[in-house]
Amino acid sequence: MGKILLNDGDGKDLSTEYCGESSKTIRERIQKARRLQIERFKKDNIYSNSKMRSKHIKKYCVLNPDAQNIIETAMHKLGLSAQAYTRILKVSRTIADLTGSENIQAEHISEAIQYRTLDRGMV
């Protein structure tokens, strides 16, 4: 069986252009995010974003106006619950941690909403 090549119409092989992150790089990024979360919550007796309660969310999931607008629009258009809102914020905080961002950005909220809609079959 021969190798299947993906090309862009100009004869350029697209299958070798983007290889993605190596497992080692991904593992290191995850470990760094986990250490950050452990440090963040060391006084709160929790260890990860998934365990955040309301007081933690208010402190660590502050949104800028663009991010707030995106989540409010999604809540309205998708008819999401308050529980879904909380879960989206927690996932967004984790995405921000994985990217090394101190603050949750609009793209982190958008990505978390995509995961939520995929999880619920809303696409």
PDB file of N, CA and C in Angstrom:
ATOM      1  N   MET A   1       0.838  -1.170   0.000  1.00  0.00           N
ATOM      2  CA  MET A   1       0.000   0.000   0.000  1.00  0.00           C
ATOM      3  C   MET A   1       0.891   1.244   0.000  1.00  0.00           C
ATOM      4  N   GLY A   2       0.608   2.209  -0.853  1.00  0.00           N
ATOM      5  CA  GLY A   2       1.437   3.403  -0.969  1.00  0.00           C
ATOM      6  C   GLY A   2       1.082   4.470   0.053  1.00  0.00           C
ATOM      7  N   LYS A   3       1.968   5.421   0.192  1.00  0.00           N
ATOM      8  CA  LYS A   3       1.759   6.540   1.104  1.00  0.00           C
ATOM      9  C   LYS A   3       0.759   7.509   0.486  1.00  0.00           C
ATOM     10  N   ILE A   4      -0.190   7.950   1.270  1.00  0.00           N
ATOM     11  CA  ILE A   4      -1.169   8.923   0.796  1.00  0.00           C
ATOM     12  C   ILE A   4      -0.611  10.313   1.058  1.00  0.00           C
ATOM     13  N   LEU A   5      -0.530  11.110   0.021  1.00  0.00           N
ATOM     14  CA  LEU A   5      -0.022  12.470   0.155  1.00  0.00           C
ATOM     15  C   LEU A   5      -1.168  13.461   0.075  1.00  0.00           C
ATOM     16  N   LEU A   6      -1.144  14.415   0.949  1.00  0.00           N
ATOM     17  CA  LEU A   6      -2.087  15.514   0.899  1.00  0.00           C
ATOM     18  C   LEU A   6      -1.336  16.678   0.279  1.00  0.00           C
ATOM     19  N   ASN A   7      -1.908  17.259  -0.773  1.00  0.00           N
ATOM     20  CA  ASN A   7      -1.199  18.407  -1.319  1.00  0.00           C
ATOM     21  C   ASN A   7      -2.159  19.544  -1.582  1.00  0.00           C
ATOM     22  N   ASP A   8      -1.592  20.713  -1.707  1.00  0.00           N
ATOM     23  CA  ASP A   8      -2.384  21.940  -1.796  1.00  0.00           C
ATOM     24  C   ASP A   8      -2.756  22.320  -3.227  1.00  0.00           C
ATOM     25  N   GLY A   9      -2.549  21.431  -4.163  1.00  0.00           N
ATOM     26  CA  GLY A   9      -2.843  21.727  -5.557  1.00  0.00           C
ATOM     27  C   GLY A   9      -1.648  22.260  -6.309  1.00  0.00           C
ATOM     28  N   ASP A  10      -0.650  22.701  -5.610  1.00  0.00           N
ATOM     29  CA  ASP A  10       0.577  23.193  -6.214  1.00  0.00           C
ATOM     30  C   ASP A  10       1.697  22.174  -6.091  1.00  0.00           C
ATOM     31  N   GLY A  11       1.331  20.947  -5.719  1.00  0.00           N
ATOM     32  CA  GLY A  11       2.319  19.893  -5.567  1.00  0.00           C
ATOM     33  C   GLY A  11       3.039  19.901  -4.238  1.00  0.00           C
ATOM     34  N   LYS A  12       2.660  20.805  -3.354  1.00  0.00           N
ATOM     35  CA  LYS A  12       3.307  20.919  -2.057  1.00  0.00           C
ATOM     36  C   LYS A  12       2.653  19.934  -1.083  1.00  0.00           C
ATOM     37  N   ASP A  13       3.455  19.112  -0.427  1.00  0.00           N
ATOM     38  CA  ASP A  13       2.953  18.102   0.496  1.00  0.00           C
ATOM     39  C   ASP A  13       2.546  18.758   1.808  1.00  0.00           C
ATOM     40  N   LEU A  14       1.241  18.733   2.103  1.00  0.00           N
ATOM     41  CA  LEU A  14       0.745  19.340   3.333  1.00  0.00           C
ATOM     42  C   LEU A  14       0.859  18.408   4.533  1.00  0.00           C
ATOM     43  N   SER A  15       1.005  17.115   4.296  1.00  0.00           N
ATOM     44  CA  SER A  15       1.042  16.164   5.404  1.00  0.00           C
ATOM     45  C   SER A  15       2.316  16.290   6.237  1.00  0.00           C
ATOM     46  N   THR A  16       3.342  16.918   5.702  1.00  0.00           N
ATOM     47  CA  THR A  16       4.583  17.062   6.457  1.00  0.00           C
ATOM     48  C   THR A  16       4.802  18.479   6.961  1.00  0.00           C
ATOM     49  N   GLU A  17       3.919  19.404   6.566  1.00  0.00           N
ATOM     50  CA  GLU A  17       4.102  20.799   6.977  1.00  0.00           C
ATOM     51  C   GLU A  17       3.861  21.021   8.453  1.00  0.00           C
ATOM     52  N   TYR A  18       2.847  20.396   9.015  1.00  0.00           N
ATOM     53  CA  TYR A  18       2.531  20.608  10.425  1.00  0.00           C
ATOM     54  C   TYR A  18       2.510  19.269  11.128  1.00  0.00           C
ATOM     55  N   CYS A  19       3.428  19.088  12.026  1.00  0.00           N
ATOM     56  CA  CYS A  19       3.532  17.827  12.748  1.00  0.00           C
ATOM     57  C   CYS A  19       2.920  17.913  14.131  1.00  0.00           C
ATOM     58  N   GLY A  20       2.575  19.093  14.606  1.00  0.00           N
ATOM     59  CA  GLY A  20       2.006  19.240  15.937  1.00  0.00           C
ATOM     60  C   GLY A  20       3.072  19.172  17.010  1.00  0.00           C
ATOM     61  N   GLU A  21       2.604  19.218  18.242  1.00  0.00           N
ATOM     62  CA  GLU A  21       3.518  19.152  19.375  1.00  0.00           C
ATOM     63  C   GLU A  21       3.898  17.712  19.660  1.00  0.00           C
ATOM     64  N   SER A  22       5.084  17.530  20.141  1.00  0.00           N
ATOM     65  CA  SER A  22       5.507  16.190  20.534  1.00  0.00           C
ATOM     66  C   SER A  22       4.832  15.833  21.861  1.00  0.00           C
ATOM     67  N   SER A  23       4.751  14.561  22.150  1.00  0.00           N
ATOM     68  CA  SER A  23       4.183  14.100  23.423  1.00  0.00           C
ATOM     69  C   SER A  23       4.947  14.688  24.600  1.00  0.00           C
ATOM     70  N   LYS A  24       6.250  14.794  24.450  1.00  0.00           N
ATOM     71  CA  LYS A  24       7.080  15.344  25.520  1.00  0.00           C
ATOM     72  C   LYS A  24       6.719  16.798  25.788  1.00  0.00           C
ATOM     73  N   THR A  25       6.539  17.577  24.739  1.00  0.00           N
ATOM     74  CA  THR A  25       6.188  18.991  24.887  1.00  0.00           C
ATOM     75  C   THR A  25       4.820  19.139  25.540  1.00  0.00           C
ATOM     76  N   ILE A  26       3.880  18.330  25.117  1.00  0.00           N
ATOM     77  CA  ILE A  26       2.535  18.370  25.696  1.00  0.00           C
ATOM     78  C   ILE A  26       2.585  17.993  27.175  1.00  0.00           C
ATOM     79  N   ARG A  27       3.305  16.929  27.489  1.00  0.00           N
ATOM     80  CA  ARG A  27       3.443  16.483  28.878  1.00  0.00           C
ATOM     81  C   ARG A  27       4.044  17.597  29.742  1.00  0.00           C
ATOM     82  N   GLU A  28       5.065  18.269  29.246  1.00  0.00           N
ATOM     83  CA  GLU A  28       5.699  19.350  30.000  1.00  0.00           C
ATOM     84  C   GLU A  28       4.736  20.509  30.233  1.00  0.00           C
ATOM     85  N   ARG A  29       3.933  20.837  29.212  1.00  0.00           N
ATOM     86  CA  ARG A  29       2.965  21.919  29.335  1.00  0.00           C
ATOM     87  C   ARG A  29       1.893  21.575  30.375  1.00  0.00           C
ATOM     88  N   ILE A  30       1.453  20.333  30.361  1.00  0.00           N
ATOM     89  CA  ILE A  30       0.446  19.884  31.326  1.00  0.00           C
ATOM     90  C   ILE A  30       1.023  19.890  32.737  1.00  0.00           C
ATOM     91  N   GLN A  31       2.239  19.399  32.887  1.00  0.00           N
ATOM     92  CA  GLN A  31       2.870  19.388  34.209  1.00  0.00           C
ATOM     93  C   GLN A  31       3.048  20.798  34.755  1.00  0.00           C
ATOM     94  N   LYS A  32       3.416  21.720  33.896  1.00  0.00           N
ATOM     95  CA  LYS A  32       3.574  23.112  34.310  1.00  0.00           C
ATOM     96  C   LYS A  32       2.229  23.695  34.765  1.00  0.00           C
ATOM     97  N   ALA A  33       1.170  23.419  34.016  1.00  0.00           N
ATOM     98  CA  ALA A  33      -0.167  23.905  34.373  1.00  0.00           C
ATOM     99  C   ALA A  33      -0.629  23.290  35.692  1.00  0.00           C
ATOM    100  N   ARG A  34      -0.358  22.016  35.900  1.00  0.00           N
ATOM    101  CA  ARG A  34      -0.738  21.353  37.158  1.00  0.00           C
ATOM    102  C   ARG A  34       0.004  21.974  38.340  1.00  0.00           C
ATOM    103  N   ARG A  35       1.298  22.221  38.184  1.00  0.00           N
ATOM    104  CA  ARG A  35       2.072  22.864  39.259  1.00  0.00           C
ATOM    105  C   ARG A  35       1.519  24.258  39.570  1.00  0.00           C
ATOM    106  N   LEU A  36       1.168  24.990  38.536  1.00  0.00           N
ATOM    107  CA  LEU A  36       0.587  26.324  38.701  1.00  0.00           C
ATOM    108  C   LEU A  36      -0.708  26.253  39.507  1.00  0.00           C
ATOM    109  N   GLN A  37      -1.564  25.293  39.182  1.00  0.00           N
ATOM    110  CA  GLN A  37      -2.835  25.145  39.892  1.00  0.00           C
ATOM    111  C   GLN A  37      -2.621  24.726  41.344  1.00  0.00           C
ATOM    112  N   ILE A  38      -1.703  23.821  41.580  1.00  0.00           N
ATOM    113  CA  ILE A  38      -1.399  23.397  42.949  1.00  0.00           C
ATOM    114  C   ILE A  38      -0.916  24.589  43.765  1.00  0.00           C
ATOM    115  N   GLU A  39      -0.046  25.394  43.181  1.00  0.00           N
ATOM    116  CA  GLU A  39       0.464  26.588  43.858  1.00  0.00           C
ATOM    117  C   GLU A  39      -0.666  27.604  44.092  1.00  0.00           C
ATOM    118  N   ARG A  40      -1.500  27.800  43.103  1.00  0.00           N
ATOM    119  CA  ARG A  40      -2.600  28.765  43.185  1.00  0.00           C
ATOM    120  C   ARG A  40      -3.535  28.431  44.349  1.00  0.00           C
ATOM    121  N   PHE A  41      -3.804  27.163  44.535  1.00  0.00           N
ATOM    122  CA  PHE A  41      -4.807  26.747  45.506  1.00  0.00           C
ATOM    123  C   PHE A  41      -4.239  26.160  46.795  1.00  0.00           C
ATOM    124  N   LYS A  42      -2.951  26.315  47.029  1.00  0.00           N
ATOM    125  CA  LYS A  42      -2.328  25.659  48.187  1.00  0.00           C
ATOM    126  C   LYS A  42      -2.954  26.070  49.518  1.00  0.00           C
ATOM    127  N   LYS A  43      -3.467  27.268  49.630  1.00  0.00           N
ATOM    128  CA  LYS A  43      -4.098  27.720  50.873  1.00  0.00           C
ATOM    129  C   LYS A  43      -5.584  27.359  50.944  1.00  0.00           C
ATOM    130  N   ASP A  44      -6.123  26.872  49.853  1.00  0.00           N
ATOM    131  CA  ASP A  44      -7.560  26.596  49.778  1.00  0.00           C
ATOM    132  C   ASP A  44      -7.916  25.122  49.921  1.00  0.00           C
ATOM    133  N   ASN A  45      -6.915  24.292  50.086  1.00  0.00           N
ATOM    134  CA  ASN A  45      -7.152  22.869  50.275  1.00  0.00           C
ATOM    135  C   ASN A  45      -7.797  22.194  49.053  1.00  0.00           C
ATOM    136  N   ILE A  46      -7.542  22.744  47.879  1.00  0.00           N
ATOM    137  CA  ILE A  46      -7.910  22.094  46.622  1.00  0.00           C
ATOM    138  C   ILE A  46      -6.672  22.064  45.744  1.00  0.00           C
ATOM    139  N   TYR A  47      -6.722  21.358  44.649  1.00  0.00           N
ATOM    140  CA  TYR A  47      -5.508  21.184  43.853  1.00  0.00           C
ATOM    141  C   TYR A  47      -5.682  21.448  42.358  1.00  0.00           C
ATOM    142  N   SER A  48      -6.906  21.707  41.906  1.00  0.00           N
ATOM    143  CA  SER A  48      -7.073  21.930  40.466  1.00  0.00           C
ATOM    144  C   SER A  48      -8.245  22.862  40.184  1.00  0.00           C
ATOM    145  N   ASN A  49      -8.265  23.389  38.973  1.00  0.00           N
ATOM    146  CA  ASN A  49      -9.337  24.286  38.554  1.00  0.00           C
ATOM    147  C   ASN A  49     -10.702  23.619  38.628  1.00  0.00           C
ATOM    148  N   SER A  50     -10.745  22.338  38.391  1.00  0.00           N
ATOM    149  CA  SER A  50     -12.032  21.633  38.403  1.00  0.00           C
ATOM    150  C   SER A  50     -12.682  21.639  39.782  1.00  0.00           C
ATOM    151  N   LYS A  51     -11.894  21.852  40.814  1.00  0.00           N
ATOM    152  CA  LYS A  51     -12.408  21.857  42.187  1.00  0.00           C
ATOM    153  C   LYS A  51     -12.773  23.260  42.688  1.00  0.00           C
ATOM    154  N   MET A  52     -12.630  24.261  41.829  1.00  0.00           N
ATOM    155  CA  MET A  52     -12.932  25.624  42.253  1.00  0.00           C
ATOM    156  C   MET A  52     -14.387  25.767  42.691  1.00  0.00           C
ATOM    157  N   ARG A  53     -14.564  26.577  43.740  1.00  0.00           N
ATOM    158  CA  ARG A  53     -15.896  26.946  44.197  1.00  0.00           C
ATOM    159  C   ARG A  53     -16.133  28.404  43.790  1.00  0.00           C
ATOM    160  N   SER A  54     -17.287  28.908  44.111  1.00  0.00           N
ATOM    161  CA  SER A  54     -17.671  30.268  43.696  1.00  0.00           C
ATOM    162  C   SER A  54     -16.623  31.314  44.039  1.00  0.00           C
ATOM    163  N   LYS A  55     -16.086  31.262  45.257  1.00  0.00           N
ATOM    164  CA  LYS A  55     -15.100  32.288  45.663  1.00  0.00           C
ATOM    165  C   LYS A  55     -13.841  32.217  44.814  1.00  0.00           C
ATOM    166  N   HIS A  56     -13.452  31.010  44.399  1.00  0.00           N
ATOM    167  CA  HIS A  56     -12.263  30.862  43.549  1.00  0.00           C
ATOM    168  C   HIS A  56     -12.549  31.364  42.138  1.00  0.00           C
ATOM    169  N   ILE A  57     -13.724  31.041  41.641  1.00  0.00           N
ATOM    170  CA  ILE A  57     -14.099  31.477  40.294  1.00  0.00           C
ATOM    171  C   ILE A  57     -14.108  33.002  40.217  1.00  0.00           C
ATOM    172  N   LYS A  58     -14.667  33.647  41.236  1.00  0.00           N
ATOM    173  CA  LYS A  58     -14.695  35.112  41.259  1.00  0.00           C
ATOM    174  C   LYS A  58     -13.287  35.701  41.269  1.00  0.00           C
ATOM    175  N   LYS A  59     -12.369  35.011  41.924  1.00  0.00           N
ATOM    176  CA  LYS A  59     -11.004  35.514  42.045  1.00  0.00           C
ATOM    177  C   LYS A  59     -10.135  35.189  40.830  1.00  0.00           C
ATOM    178  N   TYR A  60     -10.255  33.985  40.295  1.00  0.00           N
ATOM    179  CA  TYR A  60      -9.325  33.505  39.270  1.00  0.00           C
ATOM    180  C   TYR A  60      -9.896  33.443  37.853  1.00  0.00           C
ATOM    181  N   CYS A  61     -11.172  33.745  37.703  1.00  0.00           N
ATOM    182  CA  CYS A  61     -11.793  33.670  36.373  1.00  0.00           C
ATOM    183  C   CYS A  61     -12.399  34.998  35.956  1.00  0.00           C
ATOM    184  N   VAL A  62     -11.696  36.064  36.225  1.00  0.00           N
ATOM    185  CA  VAL A  62     -12.139  37.399  35.830  1.00  0.00           C
ATOM    186  C   VAL A  62     -12.002  37.508  34.313  1.00  0.00           C
ATOM    187  N   LEU A  63     -13.056  37.987  33.669  1.00  0.00           N
ATOM    188  CA  LEU A  63     -13.068  38.076  32.207  1.00  0.00           C
ATOM    189  C   LEU A  63     -12.981  39.518  31.745  1.00  0.00           C
ATOM    190  N   ASN A  64     -12.240  39.733  30.665  1.00  0.00           N
ATOM    191  CA  ASN A  64     -12.232  41.056  30.050  1.00  0.00           C
ATOM    192  C   ASN A  64     -13.542  41.220  29.270  1.00  0.00           C
ATOM    193  N   PRO A  65     -13.875  42.430  28.826  1.00  0.00           N
ATOM    194  CA  PRO A  65     -15.159  42.647  28.154  1.00  0.00           C
ATOM    195  C   PRO A  65     -15.396  41.740  26.932  1.00  0.00           C
ATOM    196  N   ASP A  66     -14.365  41.488  26.121  1.00  0.00           N
ATOM    197  CA  ASP A  66     -14.543  40.620  24.943  1.00  0.00           C
ATOM    198  C   ASP A  66     -14.902  39.195  25.351  1.00  0.00           C
ATOM    199  N   ALA A  67     -14.194  38.678  26.333  1.00  0.00           N
ATOM    200  CA  ALA A  67     -14.476  37.321  26.815  1.00  0.00           C
ATOM    201  C   ALA A  67     -15.860  37.249  27.442  1.00  0.00           C
ATOM    202  N   GLN A  68     -16.220  38.271  28.212  1.00  0.00           N
ATOM    203  CA  GLN A  68     -17.543  38.309  28.845  1.00  0.00           C
ATOM    204  C   GLN A  68     -18.642  38.336  27.787  1.00  0.00           C
ATOM    205  N   ASN A  69     -18.440  39.106  26.737  1.00  0.00           N
ATOM    206  CA  ASN A  69     -19.426  39.192  25.669  1.00  0.00           C
ATOM    207  C   ASN A  69     -19.612  37.837  24.976  1.00  0.00           C
ATOM    208  N   ILE A  70     -18.520  37.135  24.752  1.00  0.00           N
ATOM    209  CA  ILE A  70     -18.586  35.828  24.089  1.00  0.00           C
ATOM    210  C   ILE A  70     -19.376  34.833  24.935  1.00  0.00           C
ATOM    211  N   ILE A  71     -19.082  34.781  26.223  1.00  0.00           N
ATOM    212  CA  ILE A  71     -19.775  33.794  27.061  1.00  0.00           C
ATOM    213  C   ILE A  71     -21.251  34.165  27.234  1.00  0.00           C
ATOM    214  N   GLU A  72     -21.558  35.443  27.337  1.00  0.00           N
ATOM    215  CA  GLU A  72     -22.952  35.858  27.461  1.00  0.00           C
ATOM    216  C   GLU A  72     -23.739  35.528  26.194  1.00  0.00           C
ATOM    217  N   THR A  73     -23.128  35.759  25.047  1.00  0.00           N
ATOM    218  CA  THR A  73     -23.774  35.426  23.771  1.00  0.00           C
ATOM    219  C   THR A  73     -24.022  33.927  23.671  1.00  0.00           C
ATOM    220  N   ALA A  74     -23.028  33.134  24.048  1.00  0.00           N
ATOM    221  CA  ALA A  74     -23.179  31.675  24.003  1.00  0.00           C
ATOM    222  C   ALA A  74     -24.270  31.213  24.960  1.00  0.00           C
ATOM    223  N   MET A  75     -24.307  31.785  26.145  1.00  0.00           N
ATOM    224  CA  MET A  75     -25.339  31.409  27.118  1.00  0.00           C
ATOM    225  C   MET A  75     -26.722  31.659  26.539  1.00  0.00           C
ATOM    226  N   HIS A  76     -26.887  32.797  25.909  1.00  0.00           N
ATOM    227  CA  HIS A  76     -28.188  33.162  25.349  1.00  0.00           C
ATOM    228  C   HIS A  76     -28.540  32.291  24.135  1.00  0.00           C
ATOM    229  N   LYS A  77     -27.626  32.201  23.182  1.00  0.00           N
ATOM    230  CA  LYS A  77     -27.913  31.477  21.934  1.00  0.00           C
ATOM    231  C   LYS A  77     -28.022  29.968  22.124  1.00  0.00           C
ATOM    232  N   LEU A  78     -27.234  29.419  23.039  1.00  0.00           N
ATOM    233  CA  LEU A  78     -27.237  27.972  23.243  1.00  0.00           C
ATOM    234  C   LEU A  78     -28.132  27.546  24.402  1.00  0.00           C
ATOM    235  N   GLY A  79     -28.670  28.513  25.111  1.00  0.00           N
ATOM    236  CA  GLY A  79     -29.549  28.214  26.231  1.00  0.00           C
ATOM    237  C   GLY A  79     -28.851  27.435  27.336  1.00  0.00           C
ATOM    238  N   LEU A  80     -27.630  27.836  27.650  1.00  0.00           N
ATOM    239  CA  LEU A  80     -26.841  27.117  28.648  1.00  0.00           C
ATOM    240  C   LEU A  80     -27.265  27.497  30.059  1.00  0.00           C
ATOM    241  N   SER A  81     -27.094  26.585  30.975  1.00  0.00           N
ATOM    242  CA  SER A  81     -27.461  26.789  32.378  1.00  0.00           C
ATOM    243  C   SER A  81     -26.346  27.506  33.137  1.00  0.00           C
ATOM    244  N   ALA A  82     -26.660  27.871  34.370  1.00  0.00           N
ATOM    245  CA  ALA A  82     -25.655  28.472  35.249  1.00  0.00           C
ATOM    246  C   ALA A  82     -24.528  27.476  35.516  1.00  0.00           C
ATOM    247  N   GLN A  83     -24.869  26.209  35.614  1.00  0.00           N
ATOM    248  CA  GLN A  83     -23.860  25.173  35.826  1.00  0.00           C
ATOM    249  C   GLN A  83     -22.928  25.085  34.614  1.00  0.00           C
ATOM    250  N   ALA A  84     -23.480  25.200  33.418  1.00  0.00           N
ATOM    251  CA  ALA A  84     -22.654  25.190  32.202  1.00  0.00           C
ATOM    252  C   ALA A  84     -21.727  26.402  32.178  1.00  0.00           C
ATOM    253  N   TYR A  85     -22.232  27.551  32.614  1.00  0.00           N
ATOM    254  CA  TYR A  85     -21.428  28.770  32.696  1.00  0.00           C
ATOM    255  C   TYR A  85     -20.210  28.537  33.592  1.00  0.00           C
ATOM    256  N   THR A  86     -20.449  27.951  34.748  1.00  0.00           N
ATOM    257  CA  THR A  86     -19.371  27.661  35.697  1.00  0.00           C
ATOM    258  C   THR A  86     -18.362  26.696  35.095  1.00  0.00           C
ATOM    259  N   ARG A  87     -18.837  25.662  34.448  1.00  0.00           N
ATOM    260  CA  ARG A  87     -17.928  24.683  33.839  1.00  0.00           C
ATOM    261  C   ARG A  87     -17.093  25.312  32.731  1.00  0.00           C
ATOM    262  N   ILE A  88     -17.710  26.177  31.933  1.00  0.00           N
ATOM    263  CA  ILE A  88     -16.977  26.863  30.867  1.00  0.00           C
ATOM    264  C   ILE A  88     -15.874  27.732  31.467  1.00  0.00           C
ATOM    265  N   LEU A  89     -16.166  28.415  32.553  1.00  0.00           N
ATOM    266  CA  LEU A  89     -15.143  29.240  33.207  1.00  0.00           C
ATOM    267  C   LEU A  89     -13.989  28.387  33.718  1.00  0.00           C
ATOM    268  N   LYS A  90     -14.298  27.247  34.325  1.00  0.00           N
ATOM    269  CA  LYS A  90     -13.242  26.367  34.844  1.00  0.00           C
ATOM    270  C   LYS A  90     -12.371  25.827  33.710  1.00  0.00           C
ATOM    271  N   VAL A  91     -12.998  25.411  32.627  1.00  0.00           N
ATOM    272  CA  VAL A  91     -12.234  24.899  31.480  1.00  0.00           C
ATOM    273  C   VAL A  91     -11.412  26.018  30.854  1.00  0.00           C
ATOM    274  N   SER A  92     -11.984  27.207  30.768  1.00  0.00           N
ATOM    275  CA  SER A  92     -11.260  28.366  30.229  1.00  0.00           C
ATOM    276  C   SER A  92     -10.026  28.694  31.066  1.00  0.00           C
ATOM    277  N   ARG A  93     -10.166  28.598  32.381  1.00  0.00           N
ATOM    278  CA  ARG A  93      -9.022  28.849  33.270  1.00  0.00           C
ATOM    279  C   ARG A  93      -7.925  27.821  33.007  1.00  0.00           C
ATOM    280  N   THR A  94      -8.323  26.571  32.775  1.00  0.00           N
ATOM    281  CA  THR A  94      -7.346  25.521  32.482  1.00  0.00           C
ATOM    282  C   THR A  94      -6.674  25.765  31.139  1.00  0.00           C
ATOM    283  N   ILE A  95      -7.431  26.157  30.143  1.00  0.00           N
ATOM    284  CA  ILE A  95      -6.865  26.456  28.823  1.00  0.00           C
ATOM    285  C   ILE A  95      -5.864  27.615  28.953  1.00  0.00           C
ATOM    286  N   ALA A  96      -6.238  28.638  29.703  1.00  0.00           N
ATOM    287  CA  ALA A  96      -5.319  29.766  29.935  1.00  0.00           C
ATOM    288  C   ALA A  96      -4.043  29.283  30.609  1.00  0.00           C
ATOM    289  N   ASP A  97      -4.185  28.403  31.599  1.00  0.00           N
ATOM    290  CA  ASP A  97      -3.004  27.862  32.288  1.00  0.00           C
ATOM    291  C   ASP A  97      -2.117  27.090  31.310  1.00  0.00           C
ATOM    292  N   LEU A  98      -2.722  26.308  30.440  1.00  0.00           N
ATOM    293  CA  LEU A  98      -1.953  25.508  29.477  1.00  0.00           C
ATOM    294  C   LEU A  98      -1.212  26.372  28.464  1.00  0.00           C
ATOM    295  N   THR A  99      -1.753  27.549  28.189  1.00  0.00           N
ATOM    296  CA  THR A  99      -1.092  28.443  27.237  1.00  0.00           C
ATOM    297  C   THR A  99      -0.146  29.418  27.926  1.00  0.00           C
ATOM    298  N   GLY A 100      -0.097  29.336  29.254  1.00  0.00           N
ATOM    299  CA  GLY A 100       0.799  30.221  29.998  1.00  0.00           C
ATOM    300  C   GLY A 100       0.248  31.619  30.194  1.00  0.00           C
ATOM    301  N   SER A 101      -1.053  31.777  30.033  1.00  0.00           N
ATOM    302  CA  SER A 101      -1.671  33.093  30.162  1.00  0.00           C
ATOM    303  C   SER A 101      -2.161  33.315  31.587  1.00  0.00           C
ATOM    304  N   GLU A 102      -1.800  34.460  32.153  1.00  0.00           N
ATOM    305  CA  GLU A 102      -2.236  34.774  33.512  1.00  0.00           C
ATOM    306  C   GLU A 102      -3.734  35.025  33.565  1.00  0.00           C
ATOM    307  N   ASN A 103      -4.270  35.619  32.504  1.00  0.00           N
ATOM    308  CA  ASN A 103      -5.691  35.949  32.450  1.00  0.00           C
ATOM    309  C   ASN A 103      -6.405  35.128  31.392  1.00  0.00           C
ATOM    310  N   ILE A 104      -7.691  34.903  31.618  1.00  0.00           N
ATOM    311  CA  ILE A 104      -8.517  34.213  30.625  1.00  0.00           C
ATOM    312  C   ILE A 104      -8.790  35.193  29.492  1.00  0.00           C
ATOM    313  N   GLN A 105      -8.491  34.770  28.281  1.00  0.00           N
ATOM    314  CA  GLN A 105      -8.707  35.600  27.089  1.00  0.00           C
ATOM    315  C   GLN A 105      -9.958  35.127  26.336  1.00  0.00           C
ATOM    316  N   ALA A 106     -10.407  35.930  25.406  1.00  0.00           N
ATOM    317  CA  ALA A 106     -11.595  35.593  24.614  1.00  0.00           C
ATOM    318  C   ALA A 106     -11.421  34.252  23.902  1.00  0.00           C
ATOM    319  N   GLU A 107     -10.208  33.977  23.397  1.00  0.00           N
ATOM    320  CA  GLU A 107      -9.996  32.715  22.690  1.00  0.00           C
ATOM    321  C   GLU A 107     -10.078  31.506  23.624  1.00  0.00           C
ATOM    322  N   HIS A 108      -9.756  31.693  24.893  1.00  0.00           N
ATOM    323  CA  HIS A 108      -9.869  30.601  25.863  1.00  0.00           C
ATOM    324  C   HIS A 108     -11.341  30.287  26.121  1.00  0.00           C
ATOM    325  N   ILE A 109     -12.160  31.337  26.239  1.00  0.00           N
ATOM    326  CA  ILE A 109     -13.601  31.160  26.420  1.00  0.00           C
ATOM    327  C   ILE A 109     -14.195  30.477  25.192  1.00  0.00           C
ATOM    328  N   SER A 110     -13.818  30.936  24.008  1.00  0.00           N
ATOM    329  CA  SER A 110     -14.338  30.345  22.770  1.00  0.00           C
ATOM    330  C   SER A 110     -14.000  28.864  22.670  1.00  0.00           C
ATOM    331  N   GLU A 111     -12.774  28.517  23.007  1.00  0.00           N
ATOM    332  CA  GLU A 111     -12.359  27.114  22.952  1.00  0.00           C
ATOM    333  C   GLU A 111     -13.156  26.272  23.955  1.00  0.00           C
ATOM    334  N   ALA A 112     -13.334  26.785  25.155  1.00  0.00           N
ATOM    335  CA  ALA A 112     -14.098  26.052  26.173  1.00  0.00           C
ATOM    336  C   ALA A 112     -15.551  25.862  25.740  1.00  0.00           C
ATOM    337  N   ILE A 113     -16.128  26.867  25.114  1.00  0.00           N
ATOM    338  CA  ILE A 113     -17.510  26.760  24.614  1.00  0.00           C
ATOM    339  C   ILE A 113     -17.587  25.696  23.533  1.00  0.00           C
ATOM    340  N   GLN A 114     -16.590  25.649  22.658  1.00  0.00           N
ATOM    341  CA  GLN A 114     -16.564  24.613  21.622  1.00  0.00           C
ATOM    342  C   GLN A 114     -16.555  23.226  22.243  1.00  0.00           C
ATOM    343  N   TYR A 115     -15.741  23.031  23.280  1.00  0.00           N
ATOM    344  CA  TYR A 115     -15.705  21.732  23.949  1.00  0.00           C
ATOM    345  C   TYR A 115     -17.062  21.409  24.565  1.00  0.00           C
ATOM    346  N   ARG A 116     -17.693  22.410  25.155  1.00  0.00           N
ATOM    347  CA  ARG A 116     -19.003  22.210  25.786  1.00  0.00           C
ATOM    348  C   ARG A 116     -20.050  21.819  24.754  1.00  0.00           C
ATOM    349  N   THR A 117     -20.048  22.490  23.609  1.00  0.00           N
ATOM    350  CA  THR A 117     -21.041  22.168  22.585  1.00  0.00           C
ATOM    351  C   THR A 117     -20.781  20.805  21.968  1.00  0.00           C
ATOM    352  N   LEU A 118     -19.519  20.441  21.812  1.00  0.00           N
ATOM    353  CA  LEU A 118     -19.194  19.102  21.308  1.00  0.00           C
ATOM    354  C   LEU A 118     -19.631  18.037  22.310  1.00  0.00           C
ATOM    355  N   ASP A 119     -19.390  18.306  23.586  1.00  0.00           N
ATOM    356  CA  ASP A 119     -19.745  17.365  24.647  1.00  0.00           C
ATOM    357  C   ASP A 119     -21.249  17.128  24.694  1.00  0.00           C
ATOM    358  N   ARG A 120     -22.006  18.150  24.401  1.00  0.00           N
ATOM    359  CA  ARG A 120     -23.474  18.071  24.466  1.00  0.00           C
ATOM    360  C   ARG A 120     -24.108  17.796  23.105  1.00  0.00           C
ATOM    361  N   GLY A 121     -23.300  17.626  22.066  1.00  0.00           N
ATOM    362  CA  GLY A 121     -23.843  17.369  20.733  1.00  0.00           C
ATOM    363  C   GLY A 121     -24.650  18.536  20.191  1.00  0.00           C
ATOM    364  N   MET A 122     -24.219  19.755  20.490  1.00  0.00           N
ATOM    365  CA  MET A 122     -24.946  20.945  20.076  1.00  0.00           C
ATOM    366  C   MET A 122     -24.513  21.512  18.735  1.00  0.00           C
ATOM    367  N   VAL A 123     -23.595  20.837  18.066  1.00  0.00           N
ATOM    368  CA  VAL A 123     -23.095  21.379  16.804  1.00  0.00           C
ATOM    369  C   VAL A 123     -23.956  20.977  15.653  1.00  0.00           C
TER     370      VAL A 123
END
